[in-house]
Structure formats: C-alpha cells, structure tokens
PDB file of N, CA and C in Angstrom:
ATOM      1  N   MET A   1      83.303  98.648  79.796  1.00  0.00           N
ATOM      2  CA  MET A   1      84.522  98.895  80.387  1.00  0.00           C
ATOM      3  C   MET A   1      85.191  97.528  80.780  1.00  0.00           C
ATOM      4  N   ARG A   2      84.333  96.647  81.243  1.00  0.00           N
ATOM      5  CA  ARG A   2      84.794  95.366  81.636  1.00  0.00           C
ATOM      6  C   ARG A   2      85.540  94.667  80.416  1.00  0.00           C
ATOM      7  N   ARG A   3      84.939  94.697  79.306  1.00  0.00           N
ATOM      8  CA  ARG A   3      85.569  94.111  78.151  1.00  0.00           C
ATOM      9  C   ARG A   3      86.923  94.723  77.803  1.00  0.00           C
ATOM     10  N   ILE A   4      87.050  96.006  77.923  1.00  0.00           N
ATOM     11  CA  ILE A   4      88.415  96.666  77.720  1.00  0.00           C
ATOM     12  C   ILE A   4      89.339  96.108  78.732  1.00  0.00           C
ATOM     13  N   TRP A   5      89.053  96.010  79.976  1.00  0.00           N
ATOM     14  CA  TRP A   5      90.003  95.488  80.986  1.00  0.00           C
ATOM     15  C   TRP A   5      90.434  94.110  80.682  1.00  0.00           C
ATOM     16  N   GLU A   6      89.376  93.272  80.258  1.00  0.00           N
ATOM     17  CA  GLU A   6      89.652  91.843  79.892  1.00  0.00           C
ATOM     18  C   GLU A   6      90.599  91.785  78.717  1.00  0.00           C
ATOM     19  N   GLU A   7      90.379  92.644  77.694  1.00  0.00           N
ATOM     20  CA  GLU A   7      91.214  92.583  76.508  1.00  0.00           C
ATOM     21  C   GLU A   7      92.665  92.981  76.880  1.00  0.00           C
ATOM     22  N   VAL A   8      92.768  94.072  77.526  1.00  0.00           N
ATOM     23  CA  VAL A   8      94.155  94.604  77.886  1.00  0.00           C
ATOM     24  C   VAL A   8      94.949  93.596  78.787  1.00  0.00           C
ATOM     25  N   LEU A   9      94.250  93.110  79.806  1.00  0.00           N
ATOM     26  CA  LEU A   9      94.868  92.217  80.807  1.00  0.00           C
ATOM     27  C   LEU A   9      94.983  90.791  80.328  1.00  0.00           C
ATOM     28  N   GLY A  10      94.170  90.401  79.331  1.00  0.00           N
ATOM     29  CA  GLY A  10      94.159  89.006  78.822  1.00  0.00           C
ATOM     30  C   GLY A  10      93.623  88.042  79.836  1.00  0.00           C
ATOM     31  N   ILE A  11      92.617  88.538  80.647  1.00  0.00           N
ATOM     32  CA  ILE A  11      91.999  87.774  81.670  1.00  0.00           C
ATOM     33  C   ILE A  11      90.444  87.871  81.439  1.00  0.00           C
ATOM     34  N   SER A  12      89.733  86.742  81.589  1.00  0.00           N
ATOM     35  CA  SER A  12      88.280  86.753  81.554  1.00  0.00           C
ATOM     36  C   SER A  12      87.754  85.590  82.315  1.00  0.00           C
ATOM     37  N   PRO A  13      86.760  85.830  83.114  1.00  0.00           N
ATOM     38  CA  PRO A  13      86.079  87.162  83.361  1.00  0.00           C
ATOM     39  C   PRO A  13      86.769  87.918  84.502  1.00  0.00           C
ATOM     40  N   ILE A  14      86.589  89.224  84.426  1.00  0.00           N
ATOM     41  CA  ILE A  14      87.024  90.122  85.550  1.00  0.00           C
ATOM     42  C   ILE A  14      85.778  90.577  86.277  1.00  0.00           C
ATOM     43  N   ALA A  15      85.771  90.516  87.570  1.00  0.00           N
ATOM     44  CA  ALA A  15      84.652  91.053  88.343  1.00  0.00           C
ATOM     45  C   ALA A  15      84.831  92.540  88.548  1.00  0.00           C
ATOM     46  N   THR A  16      83.713  93.248  88.777  1.00  0.00           N
ATOM     47  CA  THR A  16      83.791  94.701  88.870  1.00  0.00           C
ATOM     48  C   THR A  16      84.544  95.154  90.178  1.00  0.00           C
ATOM     49  N   ASP A  17      84.767  94.203  91.129  1.00  0.00           N
ATOM     50  CA  ASP A  17      85.445  94.533  92.369  1.00  0.00           C
ATOM     51  C   ASP A  17      86.868  93.998  92.350  1.00  0.00           C
ATOM     52  N   ASP A  18      87.313  93.382  91.276  1.00  0.00           N
ATOM     53  CA  ASP A  18      88.692  92.912  91.151  1.00  0.00           C
ATOM     54  C   ASP A  18      89.710  93.988  91.135  1.00  0.00           C
ATOM     55  N   ASP A  19      90.753  93.910  91.874  1.00  0.00           N
ATOM     56  CA  ASP A  19      91.810  95.004  91.922  1.00  0.00           C
ATOM     57  C   ASP A  19      92.665  94.846  90.712  1.00  0.00           C
ATOM     58  N   LEU A  20      92.843  95.941  89.960  1.00  0.00           N
ATOM     59  CA  LEU A  20      93.747  95.978  88.772  1.00  0.00           C
ATOM     60  C   LEU A  20      95.108  95.439  89.010  1.00  0.00           C
ATOM     61  N   PHE A  21      95.618  95.867  90.163  1.00  0.00           N
ATOM     62  CA  PHE A  21      96.995  95.522  90.409  1.00  0.00           C
ATOM     63  C   PHE A  21      97.189  94.043  90.807  1.00  0.00           C
ATOM     64  N   ASP A  22      96.173  93.538  91.521  1.00  0.00           N
ATOM     65  CA  ASP A  22      96.212  92.102  91.881  1.00  0.00           C
ATOM     66  C   ASP A  22      96.070  91.215  90.604  1.00  0.00           C
ATOM     67  N   LEU A  23      95.438  91.838  89.539  1.00  0.00           N
ATOM     68  CA  LEU A  23      95.355  91.140  88.201  1.00  0.00           C
ATOM     69  C   LEU A  23      96.579  91.255  87.344  1.00  0.00           C
ATOM     70  N   GLY A  24      97.619  91.934  87.885  1.00  0.00           N
ATOM     71  CA  GLY A  24      98.836  92.094  87.132  1.00  0.00           C
ATOM     72  C   GLY A  24      98.919  93.393  86.421  1.00  0.00           C
ATOM     73  N   GLY A  25      98.035  94.280  86.586  1.00  0.00           N
ATOM     74  CA  GLY A  25      98.009  95.640  85.979  1.00  0.00           C
ATOM     75  C   GLY A  25      99.191  96.529  86.501  1.00  0.00           C
ATOM     76  N   HIS A  26      99.593  97.483  85.688  1.00  0.00           N
ATOM     77  CA  HIS A  26     100.636  98.438  86.049  1.00  0.00           C
ATOM     78  C   HIS A  26     100.429  99.692  85.232  1.00  0.00           C
ATOM     79  N   SER A  27     101.290 100.677  85.351  1.00  0.00           N
ATOM     80  CA  SER A  27     101.025 101.961  84.699  1.00  0.00           C
ATOM     81  C   SER A  27     100.891 101.837  83.179  1.00  0.00           C
ATOM     82  N   LEU A  28     101.675 100.990  82.480  1.00  0.00           N
ATOM     83  CA  LEU A  28     101.487 100.824  81.065  1.00  0.00           C
ATOM     84  C   LEU A  28     100.186 100.172  80.732  1.00  0.00           C
ATOM     85  N   THR A  29      99.699  99.264  81.525  1.00  0.00           N
ATOM     86  CA  THR A  29      98.391  98.647  81.322  1.00  0.00           C
ATOM     87  C   THR A  29      97.305  99.734  81.407  1.00  0.00           C
ATOM     88  N   ILE A  30      97.472 100.616  82.443  1.00  0.00           N
ATOM     89  CA  ILE A  30      96.478 101.621  82.649  1.00  0.00           C
ATOM     90  C   ILE A  30      96.465 102.617  81.497  1.00  0.00           C
ATOM     91  N   THR A  31      97.614 102.978  80.860  1.00  0.00           N
ATOM     92  CA  THR A  31      97.570 103.798  79.726  1.00  0.00           C
ATOM     93  C   THR A  31      96.875 103.144  78.607  1.00  0.00           C
ATOM     94  N   GLN A  32      97.034 101.888  78.432  1.00  0.00           N
ATOM     95  CA  GLN A  32      96.357 101.162  77.343  1.00  0.00           C
ATOM     96  C   GLN A  32      94.828 101.199  77.569  1.00  0.00           C
ATOM     97  N   ILE A  33      94.406 100.965  78.830  1.00  0.00           N
ATOM     98  CA  ILE A  33      92.994 101.043  79.189  1.00  0.00           C
ATOM     99  C   ILE A  33      92.421 102.401  78.942  1.00  0.00           C
ATOM    100  N   ILE A  34      93.188 103.440  79.317  1.00  0.00           N
ATOM    101  CA  ILE A  34      92.652 104.842  79.162  1.00  0.00           C
ATOM    102  C   ILE A  34      92.520 105.143  77.645  1.00  0.00           C
ATOM    103  N   ALA A  35      93.510 104.711  76.795  1.00  0.00           N
ATOM    104  CA  ALA A  35      93.354 104.950  75.344  1.00  0.00           C
ATOM    105  C   ALA A  35      92.134 104.313  74.784  1.00  0.00           C
ATOM    106  N   ARG A  36      91.903 103.059  75.163  1.00  0.00           N
ATOM    107  CA  ARG A  36      90.719 102.353  74.628  1.00  0.00           C
ATOM    108  C   ARG A  36      89.406 102.945  75.101  1.00  0.00           C
ATOM    109  N   MET A  37      89.434 103.375  76.411  1.00  0.00           N
ATOM    110  CA  MET A  37      88.188 104.059  76.939  1.00  0.00           C
ATOM    111  C   MET A  37      87.924 105.349  76.175  1.00  0.00           C
ATOM    112  N   ARG A  38      88.959 106.115  75.899  1.00  0.00           N
ATOM    113  CA  ARG A  38      88.873 107.324  75.107  1.00  0.00           C
ATOM    114  C   ARG A  38      88.325 107.042  73.715  1.00  0.00           C
ATOM    115  N   LYS A  39      88.833 106.080  73.128  1.00  0.00           N
ATOM    116  CA  LYS A  39      88.432 105.774  71.687  1.00  0.00           C
ATOM    117  C   LYS A  39      87.011 105.145  71.575  1.00  0.00           C
ATOM    118  N   ARG A  40      86.675 104.188  72.525  1.00  0.00           N
ATOM    119  CA  ARG A  40      85.488 103.508  72.422  1.00  0.00           C
ATOM    120  C   ARG A  40      84.331 104.162  73.135  1.00  0.00           C
ATOM    121  N   LEU A  41      84.629 104.723  74.315  1.00  0.00           N
ATOM    122  CA  LEU A  41      83.617 105.260  75.162  1.00  0.00           C
ATOM    123  C   LEU A  41      83.516 106.771  75.188  1.00  0.00           C
ATOM    124  N   GLY A  42      84.525 107.468  74.545  1.00  0.00           N
ATOM    125  CA  GLY A  42      84.568 108.842  74.538  1.00  0.00           C
ATOM    126  C   GLY A  42      84.767 109.543  75.851  1.00  0.00           C
ATOM    127  N   VAL A  43      85.420 108.800  76.845  1.00  0.00           N
ATOM    128  CA  VAL A  43      85.600 109.447  78.140  1.00  0.00           C
ATOM    129  C   VAL A  43      87.132 109.537  78.364  1.00  0.00           C
ATOM    130  N   GLU A  44      87.521 110.545  79.025  1.00  0.00           N
ATOM    131  CA  GLU A  44      88.983 110.767  79.472  1.00  0.00           C
ATOM    132  C   GLU A  44      89.103 110.550  80.947  1.00  0.00           C
ATOM    133  N   VAL A  45      89.797 109.661  81.359  1.00  0.00           N
ATOM    134  CA  VAL A  45      90.072 109.344  82.788  1.00  0.00           C
ATOM    135  C   VAL A  45      91.538 109.499  83.064  1.00  0.00           C
ATOM    136  N   PRO A  46      91.797 110.393  84.055  1.00  0.00           N
ATOM    137  CA  PRO A  46      93.183 110.581  84.537  1.00  0.00           C
ATOM    138  C   PRO A  46      93.838 109.317  85.059  1.00  0.00           C
ATOM    139  N   LEU A  47      95.117 109.203  84.833  1.00  0.00           N
ATOM    140  CA  LEU A  47      95.831 108.067  85.344  1.00  0.00           C
ATOM    141  C   LEU A  47      95.684 107.859  86.849  1.00  0.00           C
ATOM    142  N   ASP A  48      95.653 108.885  87.610  1.00  0.00           N
ATOM    143  CA  ASP A  48      95.595 108.793  88.984  1.00  0.00           C
ATOM    144  C   ASP A  48      94.296 108.172  89.570  1.00  0.00           C
ATOM    145  N   VAL A  49      93.177 108.222  88.765  1.00  0.00           N
ATOM    146  CA  VAL A  49      91.931 107.618  89.217  1.00  0.00           C
ATOM    147  C   VAL A  49      92.196 106.113  89.337  1.00  0.00           C
ATOM    148  N   PHE A  50      92.967 105.452  88.554  1.00  0.00           N
ATOM    149  CA  PHE A  50      93.240 103.995  88.592  1.00  0.00           C
ATOM    150  C   PHE A  50      93.996 103.637  89.867  1.00  0.00           C
ATOM    151  N   PHE A  51      94.852 104.515  90.322  1.00  0.00           N
ATOM    152  CA  PHE A  51      95.577 104.278  91.534  1.00  0.00           C
ATOM    153  C   PHE A  51      94.760 104.539  92.737  1.00  0.00           C
ATOM    154  N   ASP A  52      93.797 105.485  92.683  1.00  0.00           N
ATOM    155  CA  ASP A  52      92.841 105.704  93.711  1.00  0.00           C
ATOM    156  C   ASP A  52      91.730 104.701  93.817  1.00  0.00           C
ATOM    157  N   GLU A  53      91.308 104.305  92.630  1.00  0.00           N
ATOM    158  CA  GLU A  53      90.152 103.414  92.494  1.00  0.00           C
ATOM    159  C   GLU A  53      90.457 102.296  91.607  1.00  0.00           C
ATOM    160  N   PRO A  54      91.276 101.331  92.006  1.00  0.00           N
ATOM    161  CA  PRO A  54      91.802 100.330  91.000  1.00  0.00           C
ATOM    162  C   PRO A  54      90.862  99.195  90.692  1.00  0.00           C
ATOM    163  N   THR A  55      89.506  99.441  90.750  1.00  0.00           N
ATOM    164  CA  THR A  55      88.587  98.410  90.293  1.00  0.00           C
ATOM    165  C   THR A  55      87.735  99.006  89.209  1.00  0.00           C
ATOM    166  N   ILE A  56      87.000  98.133  88.456  1.00  0.00           N
ATOM    167  CA  ILE A  56      86.065  98.634  87.421  1.00  0.00           C
ATOM    168  C   ILE A  56      85.058  99.494  88.028  1.00  0.00           C
ATOM    169  N   ALA A  57      84.431  99.005  89.154  1.00  0.00           N
ATOM    170  CA  ALA A  57      83.389  99.766  89.893  1.00  0.00           C
ATOM    171  C   ALA A  57      83.900 101.076  90.353  1.00  0.00           C
ATOM    172  N   GLY A  58      85.159 101.171  90.828  1.00  0.00           N
ATOM    173  CA  GLY A  58      85.737 102.511  91.258  1.00  0.00           C
ATOM    174  C   GLY A  58      85.906 103.376  90.129  1.00  0.00           C
ATOM    175  N   VAL A  59      86.432 102.939  89.007  1.00  0.00           N
ATOM    176  CA  VAL A  59      86.629 103.781  87.834  1.00  0.00           C
ATOM    177  C   VAL A  59      85.267 104.273  87.232  1.00  0.00           C
ATOM    178  N   VAL A  60      84.331 103.359  87.164  1.00  0.00           N
ATOM    179  CA  VAL A  60      82.986 103.760  86.714  1.00  0.00           C
ATOM    180  C   VAL A  60      82.420 104.865  87.583  1.00  0.00           C
ATOM    181  N   ASP A  61      82.493 104.737  88.923  1.00  0.00           N
ATOM    182  CA  ASP A  61      82.044 105.698  89.820  1.00  0.00           C
ATOM    183  C   ASP A  61      82.682 106.974  89.606  1.00  0.00           C
ATOM    184  N   ALA A  62      84.054 107.039  89.416  1.00  0.00           N
ATOM    185  CA  ALA A  62      84.776 108.242  89.224  1.00  0.00           C
ATOM    186  C   ALA A  62      84.419 108.893  87.912  1.00  0.00           C
ATOM    187  N   VAL A  63      84.109 108.189  86.889  1.00  0.00           N
ATOM    188  CA  VAL A  63      83.671 108.693  85.598  1.00  0.00           C
ATOM    189  C   VAL A  63      82.342 109.378  85.737  1.00  0.00           C
ATOM    190  N   ARG A  64      81.460 108.691  86.430  1.00  0.00           N
ATOM    191  CA  ARG A  64      80.029 109.174  86.585  1.00  0.00           C
ATOM    192  C   ARG A  64      80.028 110.437  87.469  1.00  0.00           C
ATOM    193  N   ASN A  65      80.823 110.451  88.436  1.00  0.00           N
ATOM    194  CA  ASN A  65      80.850 111.587  89.379  1.00  0.00           C
ATOM    195  C   ASN A  65      81.834 112.712  89.010  1.00  0.00           C
ATOM    196  N   GLY A  66      82.483 112.572  87.844  1.00  0.00           N
ATOM    197  CA  GLY A  66      83.412 113.546  87.375  1.00  0.00           C
ATOM    198  C   GLY A  66      84.613 113.676  88.241  1.00  0.00           C
TER     199      GLY A  66
END
C-alpha cells in the first residue's frame, strides 16, 4: 500500500503515519489510490475511510478490521 501512495502522490518515502492531506492528497488522489488498491490488492476501501483515517496505518487497520 505504501508503494501505491508513493506512486500516486509522487513522494518517496512516505511513513505509515504521514497524513495524506498534509502530503497534498485530496479527493481525486484518494480515488486514484482506491482504484490501484482494488486492482493490485483486491480490496475495496470506501472513500470515507481516507477522511476518517488519513494515514497508511489507519487505512490498513480499517481494511483488516472491515
């Protein structure tokens, strides 16, 4: 997942506790991340998860806990 965020945001490295919005992310960025996660990882993450948990660690936790 970290690689996907780095590719979409064009920033490397990104720490698991870096805030997506502090890195310049926005709703379009999130939709790009969601599409890549669906394609590469086979997981579907709702858009609102990224607003509630705007870090890699938070999104991973949300995916694991459904």
